[in-house]
Amino acid sequence: MEIYSREYKSHIILVPNGDIDYFSVGELKNAVFKLIQGKIRSIIIDLKKVEYIDSSGFGLIVAACRAMNDYNGKLGLMNVRDDIMALLKLATFNTIMDIYKSERELK
């Protein structure tokens, strides 16, 4: 999985390219937790190039949210496909994190 990052306003945006599943989640986990170790205040995972997330990917999102809450950081998601959004809402992820439709919504 390719992951690139960029800064936008006060956020670091990570853009994974490919499915987030058992086989690829380690790469995204390393990228996210490297930023968390640096106490980055806002990390946004841009899912525009992600078509599928399995339970290990959802587990990573929860773990990252908890780790960032320890220092008042925020993890968010952006450009989420409708089918993935349905699962996020079913699991109430939208109550523990911000989910943005696009970069324009970021403050």
Foldseek 3Di string as FASTA:
>chain_A
DDWDWDDDDLEIEIEDAEECEPVPVVVVLVVLVVVLVVLRQEYEYECQRYDYYDPVNVVSVVVSLVSNVVVNHAYEYECDDPVVVVVCVVVPVVVSHPYYDHPVPDD
